[in-house]
Amino acid sequence: YIMSNSSDLGTECANPHESRYFPARLLLYDQQPGGVGISAQVGDTCIDHNKLKN
């Protein structure tokens, strides 16, 4: 489990009115200066989940 505040993470959402191509992805980043390690933890969790799936 990962606990965080909404101000800890930032996201990128594609603008449907923009003509630039955006690949399907989920982009999360530490919004706090220096980071708080949430992105790294989420990345590790996703990698572990992928290993279990395959």
PDB file of N, CA and C in Angstrom:
ATOM      1  N   TYR A   1       0.828  -1.188   0.000  1.00  0.00           N
ATOM      2  CA  TYR A   1       0.000   0.000   0.000  1.00  0.00           C
ATOM      3  C   TYR A   1       0.867   1.245   0.000  1.00  0.00           C
ATOM      4  N   ILE A   2       0.376   2.279  -0.636  1.00  0.00           N
ATOM      5  CA  ILE A   2       1.081   3.555  -0.696  1.00  0.00           C
ATOM      6  C   ILE A   2       0.123   4.636  -0.231  1.00  0.00           C
ATOM      7  N   MET A   3       0.521   5.353   0.793  1.00  0.00           N
ATOM      8  CA  MET A   3      -0.308   6.463   1.267  1.00  0.00           C
ATOM      9  C   MET A   3       0.307   7.764   0.792  1.00  0.00           C
ATOM     10  N   SER A   4      -0.540   8.665   0.329  1.00  0.00           N
ATOM     11  CA  SER A   4      -0.039   9.962  -0.115  1.00  0.00           C
ATOM     12  C   SER A   4      -1.145  10.994  -0.027  1.00  0.00           C
ATOM     13  N   ASN A   5      -0.743  12.222  -0.197  1.00  0.00           N
ATOM     14  CA  ASN A   5      -1.653  13.356  -0.246  1.00  0.00           C
ATOM     15  C   ASN A   5      -1.792  13.737  -1.715  1.00  0.00           C
ATOM     16  N   SER A   6      -2.887  14.332  -2.086  1.00  0.00           N
ATOM     17  CA  SER A   6      -3.076  14.710  -3.495  1.00  0.00           C
ATOM     18  C   SER A   6      -2.021  15.702  -3.971  1.00  0.00           C
ATOM     19  N   SER A   7      -1.384  16.417  -3.059  1.00  0.00           N
ATOM     20  CA  SER A   7      -0.339  17.365  -3.466  1.00  0.00           C
ATOM     21  C   SER A   7       1.016  16.678  -3.666  1.00  0.00           C
ATOM     22  N   ASP A   8       1.128  15.385  -3.317  1.00  0.00           N
ATOM     23  CA  ASP A   8       2.389  14.660  -3.469  1.00  0.00           C
ATOM     24  C   ASP A   8       2.638  14.201  -4.901  1.00  0.00           C
ATOM     25  N   LEU A   9       1.573  13.976  -5.662  1.00  0.00           N
ATOM     26  CA  LEU A   9       1.699  13.439  -7.012  1.00  0.00           C
ATOM     27  C   LEU A   9       1.165  14.407  -8.044  1.00  0.00           C
ATOM     28  N   GLY A  10       1.786  14.386  -9.209  1.00  0.00           N
ATOM     29  CA  GLY A  10       1.283  15.141 -10.347  1.00  0.00           C
ATOM     30  C   GLY A  10       0.987  14.154 -11.465  1.00  0.00           C
ATOM     31  N   THR A  11       0.140  14.525 -12.387  1.00  0.00           N
ATOM     32  CA  THR A  11      -0.201  13.658 -13.512  1.00  0.00           C
ATOM     33  C   THR A  11      -0.152  14.452 -14.806  1.00  0.00           C
ATOM     34  N   GLU A  12      -0.093  13.747 -15.906  1.00  0.00           N
ATOM     35  CA  GLU A  12      -0.200  14.393 -17.211  1.00  0.00           C
ATOM     36  C   GLU A  12      -1.396  13.783 -17.917  1.00  0.00           C
ATOM     37  N   CYS A  13      -2.292  14.620 -18.366  1.00  0.00           N
ATOM     38  CA  CYS A  13      -3.468  14.159 -19.108  1.00  0.00           C
ATOM     39  C   CYS A  13      -3.409  14.766 -20.501  1.00  0.00           C
ATOM     40  N   ALA A  14      -3.654  13.939 -21.491  1.00  0.00           N
ATOM     41  CA  ALA A  14      -3.648  14.438 -22.870  1.00  0.00           C
ATOM     42  C   ALA A  14      -4.834  15.371 -23.089  1.00  0.00           C
ATOM     43  N   ASN A  15      -4.587  16.462 -23.788  1.00  0.00           N
ATOM     44  CA  ASN A  15      -5.638  17.406 -24.141  1.00  0.00           C
ATOM     45  C   ASN A  15      -6.312  16.895 -25.413  1.00  0.00           C
ATOM     46  N   PRO A  16      -7.602  16.572 -25.370  1.00  0.00           N
ATOM     47  CA  PRO A  16      -8.258  16.026 -26.563  1.00  0.00           C
ATOM     48  C   PRO A  16      -8.331  17.017 -27.723  1.00  0.00           C
ATOM     49  N   HIS A  17      -8.099  18.287 -27.464  1.00  0.00           N
ATOM     50  CA  HIS A  17      -8.156  19.308 -28.511  1.00  0.00           C
ATOM     51  C   HIS A  17      -6.798  19.549 -29.170  1.00  0.00           C
ATOM     52  N   GLU A  18      -5.765  18.891 -28.664  1.00  0.00           N
ATOM     53  CA  GLU A  18      -4.426  19.024 -29.223  1.00  0.00           C
ATOM     54  C   GLU A  18      -4.235  17.958 -30.305  1.00  0.00           C
ATOM     55  N   SER A  19      -3.556  18.309 -31.379  1.00  0.00           N
ATOM     56  CA  SER A  19      -3.402  17.363 -32.484  1.00  0.00           C
ATOM     57  C   SER A  19      -2.182  16.454 -32.327  1.00  0.00           C
ATOM     58  N   ARG A  20      -1.316  16.734 -31.354  1.00  0.00           N
ATOM     59  CA  ARG A  20      -0.118  15.917 -31.147  1.00  0.00           C
ATOM     60  C   ARG A  20      -0.514  14.527 -30.638  1.00  0.00           C
ATOM     61  N   TYR A  21       0.160  13.494 -31.141  1.00  0.00           N
ATOM     62  CA  TYR A  21      -0.112  12.113 -30.733  1.00  0.00           C
ATOM     63  C   TYR A  21       0.410  11.863 -29.318  1.00  0.00           C
ATOM     64  N   PHE A  22      -0.392  11.249 -28.489  1.00  0.00           N
ATOM     65  CA  PHE A  22       0.023  10.827 -27.157  1.00  0.00           C
ATOM     66  C   PHE A  22      -0.121   9.314 -27.065  1.00  0.00           C
ATOM     67  N   PRO A  23       0.958   8.587 -26.773  1.00  0.00           N
ATOM     68  CA  PRO A  23       0.825   7.139 -26.612  1.00  0.00           C
ATOM     69  C   PRO A  23       0.000   6.827 -25.364  1.00  0.00           C
ATOM     70  N   ALA A  24      -0.627   5.663 -25.343  1.00  0.00           N
ATOM     71  CA  ALA A  24      -1.387   5.250 -24.161  1.00  0.00           C
ATOM     72  C   ALA A  24      -0.397   5.011 -23.026  1.00  0.00           C
ATOM     73  N   ARG A  25      -0.557   5.730 -21.953  1.00  0.00           N
ATOM     74  CA  ARG A  25       0.363   5.585 -20.821  1.00  0.00           C
ATOM     75  C   ARG A  25      -0.246   6.213 -19.581  1.00  0.00           C
ATOM     76  N   LEU A  26       0.347   5.872 -18.466  1.00  0.00           N
ATOM     77  CA  LEU A  26       0.007   6.472 -17.187  1.00  0.00           C
ATOM     78  C   LEU A  26       1.273   7.145 -16.695  1.00  0.00           C
ATOM     79  N   LEU A  27       1.236   8.450 -16.559  1.00  0.00           N
ATOM     80  CA  LEU A  27       2.412   9.206 -16.142  1.00  0.00           C
ATOM     81  C   LEU A  27       2.146   9.817 -14.776  1.00  0.00           C
ATOM     82  N   LEU A  28       2.912   9.377 -13.785  1.00  0.00           N
ATOM     83  CA  LEU A  28       2.860   9.934 -12.434  1.00  0.00           C
ATOM     84  C   LEU A  28       4.240  10.447 -12.087  1.00  0.00           C
ATOM     85  N   TYR A  29       4.299  11.530 -11.356  1.00  0.00           N
ATOM     86  CA  TYR A  29       5.600  12.030 -10.919  1.00  0.00           C
ATOM     87  C   TYR A  29       5.474  12.651  -9.542  1.00  0.00           C
ATOM     88  N   ASP A  30       6.598  12.619  -8.797  1.00  0.00           N
ATOM     89  CA  ASP A  30       6.656  13.268  -7.489  1.00  0.00           C
ATOM     90  C   ASP A  30       6.574  14.764  -7.700  1.00  0.00           C
ATOM     91  N   GLN A  31       5.584  15.383  -7.117  1.00  0.00           N
ATOM     92  CA  GLN A  31       5.384  16.813  -7.301  1.00  0.00           C
ATOM     93  C   GLN A  31       6.181  17.636  -6.289  1.00  0.00           C
ATOM     94  N   GLN A  32       6.588  17.020  -5.196  1.00  0.00           N
ATOM     95  CA  GLN A  32       7.336  17.731  -4.164  1.00  0.00           C
ATOM     96  C   GLN A  32       8.793  17.897  -4.589  1.00  0.00           C
ATOM     97  N   PRO A  33       9.410  19.049  -4.288  1.00  0.00           N
ATOM     98  CA  PRO A  33      10.828  19.240  -4.618  1.00  0.00           C
ATOM     99  C   PRO A  33      11.679  18.125  -3.993  1.00  0.00           C
ATOM    100  N   GLY A  34      12.484  17.484  -4.804  1.00  0.00           N
ATOM    101  CA  GLY A  34      13.312  16.385  -4.320  1.00  0.00           C
ATOM    102  C   GLY A  34      12.577  15.057  -4.279  1.00  0.00           C
ATOM    103  N   GLY A  35      11.262  15.096  -4.432  1.00  0.00           N
ATOM    104  CA  GLY A  35      10.450  13.881  -4.425  1.00  0.00           C
ATOM    105  C   GLY A  35      10.300  13.298  -3.037  1.00  0.00           C
ATOM    106  N   VAL A  36       9.307  12.464  -2.886  1.00  0.00           N
ATOM    107  CA  VAL A  36       9.080  11.777  -1.618  1.00  0.00           C
ATOM    108  C   VAL A  36       9.152  10.259  -1.795  1.00  0.00           C
ATOM    109  N   GLY A  37       9.503   9.804  -3.001  1.00  0.00           N
ATOM    110  CA  GLY A  37       9.697   8.383  -3.254  1.00  0.00           C
ATOM    111  C   GLY A  37       8.464   7.630  -3.708  1.00  0.00           C
ATOM    112  N   ILE A  38       7.358   8.336  -3.898  1.00  0.00           N
ATOM    113  CA  ILE A  38       6.128   7.651  -4.294  1.00  0.00           C
ATOM    114  C   ILE A  38       6.246   7.082  -5.703  1.00  0.00           C
ATOM    115  N   SER A  39       6.790   7.840  -6.631  1.00  0.00           N
ATOM    116  CA  SER A  39       6.911   7.362  -8.016  1.00  0.00           C
ATOM    117  C   SER A  39       7.750   6.093  -8.082  1.00  0.00           C
ATOM    118  N   ALA A  40       8.829   6.052  -7.338  1.00  0.00           N
ATOM    119  CA  ALA A  40       9.684   4.862  -7.324  1.00  0.00           C
ATOM    120  C   ALA A  40       8.922   3.665  -6.771  1.00  0.00           C
ATOM    121  N   GLN A  41       8.162   3.873  -5.712  1.00  0.00           N
ATOM    122  CA  GLN A  41       7.378   2.786  -5.113  1.00  0.00           C
ATOM    123  C   GLN A  41       6.299   2.293  -6.071  1.00  0.00           C
ATOM    124  N   VAL A  42       5.621   3.213  -6.747  1.00  0.00           N
ATOM    125  CA  VAL A  42       4.594   2.830  -7.718  1.00  0.00           C
ATOM    126  C   VAL A  42       5.231   2.047  -8.861  1.00  0.00           C
ATOM    127  N   GLY A  43       6.389   2.496  -9.330  1.00  0.00           N
ATOM    128  CA  GLY A  43       7.087   1.794 -10.406  1.00  0.00           C
ATOM    129  C   GLY A  43       7.442   0.374 -10.010  1.00  0.00           C
ATOM    130  N   ASP A  44       7.986   0.203  -8.808  1.00  0.00           N
ATOM    131  CA  ASP A  44       8.332  -1.135  -8.323  1.00  0.00           C
ATOM    132  C   ASP A  44       7.090  -2.017  -8.219  1.00  0.00           C
ATOM    133  N   THR A  45       5.992  -1.450  -7.750  1.00  0.00           N
ATOM    134  CA  THR A  45       4.743  -2.200  -7.616  1.00  0.00           C
ATOM    135  C   THR A  45       4.241  -2.653  -8.979  1.00  0.00           C
ATOM    136  N   CYS A  46       4.320  -1.779  -9.973  1.00  0.00           N
ATOM    137  CA  CYS A  46       3.870  -2.134 -11.327  1.00  0.00           C
ATOM    138  C   CYS A  46       4.748  -3.222 -11.925  1.00  0.00           C
ATOM    139  N   ILE A  47       6.049  -3.137 -11.714  1.00  0.00           N
ATOM    140  CA  ILE A  47       6.971  -4.156 -12.228  1.00  0.00           C
ATOM    141  C   ILE A  47       6.666  -5.502 -11.580  1.00  0.00           C
ATOM    142  N   ASP A  48       6.473  -5.512 -10.252  1.00  0.00           N
ATOM    143  CA  ASP A  48       6.152  -6.757  -9.554  1.00  0.00           C
ATOM    144  C   ASP A  48       4.839  -7.343 -10.069  1.00  0.00           C
ATOM    145  N   HIS A  49       3.851  -6.506 -10.298  1.00  0.00           N
ATOM    146  CA  HIS A  49       2.552  -6.957 -10.800  1.00  0.00           C
ATOM    147  C   HIS A  49       2.701  -7.569 -12.195  1.00  0.00           C
ATOM    148  N   ASN A  50       3.519  -6.946 -13.037  1.00  0.00           N
ATOM    149  CA  ASN A  50       3.748  -7.467 -14.390  1.00  0.00           C
ATOM    150  C   ASN A  50       4.414  -8.836 -14.350  1.00  0.00           C
ATOM    151  N   LYS A  51       5.358  -9.031 -13.420  1.00  0.00           N
ATOM    152  CA  LYS A  51       6.035 -10.321 -13.297  1.00  0.00           C
ATOM    153  C   LYS A  51       5.045 -11.409 -12.905  1.00  0.00           C
ATOM    154  N   LEU A  52       4.097 -11.076 -12.030  1.00  0.00           N
ATOM    155  CA  LEU A  52       3.102 -12.050 -11.605  1.00  0.00           C
ATOM    156  C   LEU A  52       2.151 -12.406 -12.739  1.00  0.00           C
ATOM    157  N   LYS A  53       1.866 -11.418 -13.597  1.00  0.00           N
ATOM    158  CA  LYS A  53       0.939 -11.621 -14.706  1.00  0.00           C
ATOM    159  C   LYS A  53       1.508 -12.547 -15.770  1.00  0.00           C
ATOM    160  N   ASN A  54       2.813 -12.460 -16.013  1.00  0.00           N
ATOM    161  CA  ASN A  54       3.430 -13.219 -17.114  1.00  0.00           C
ATOM    162  C   ASN A  54       3.868 -14.552 -16.670  1.00  0.00           C
TER     163      ASN A  54
END
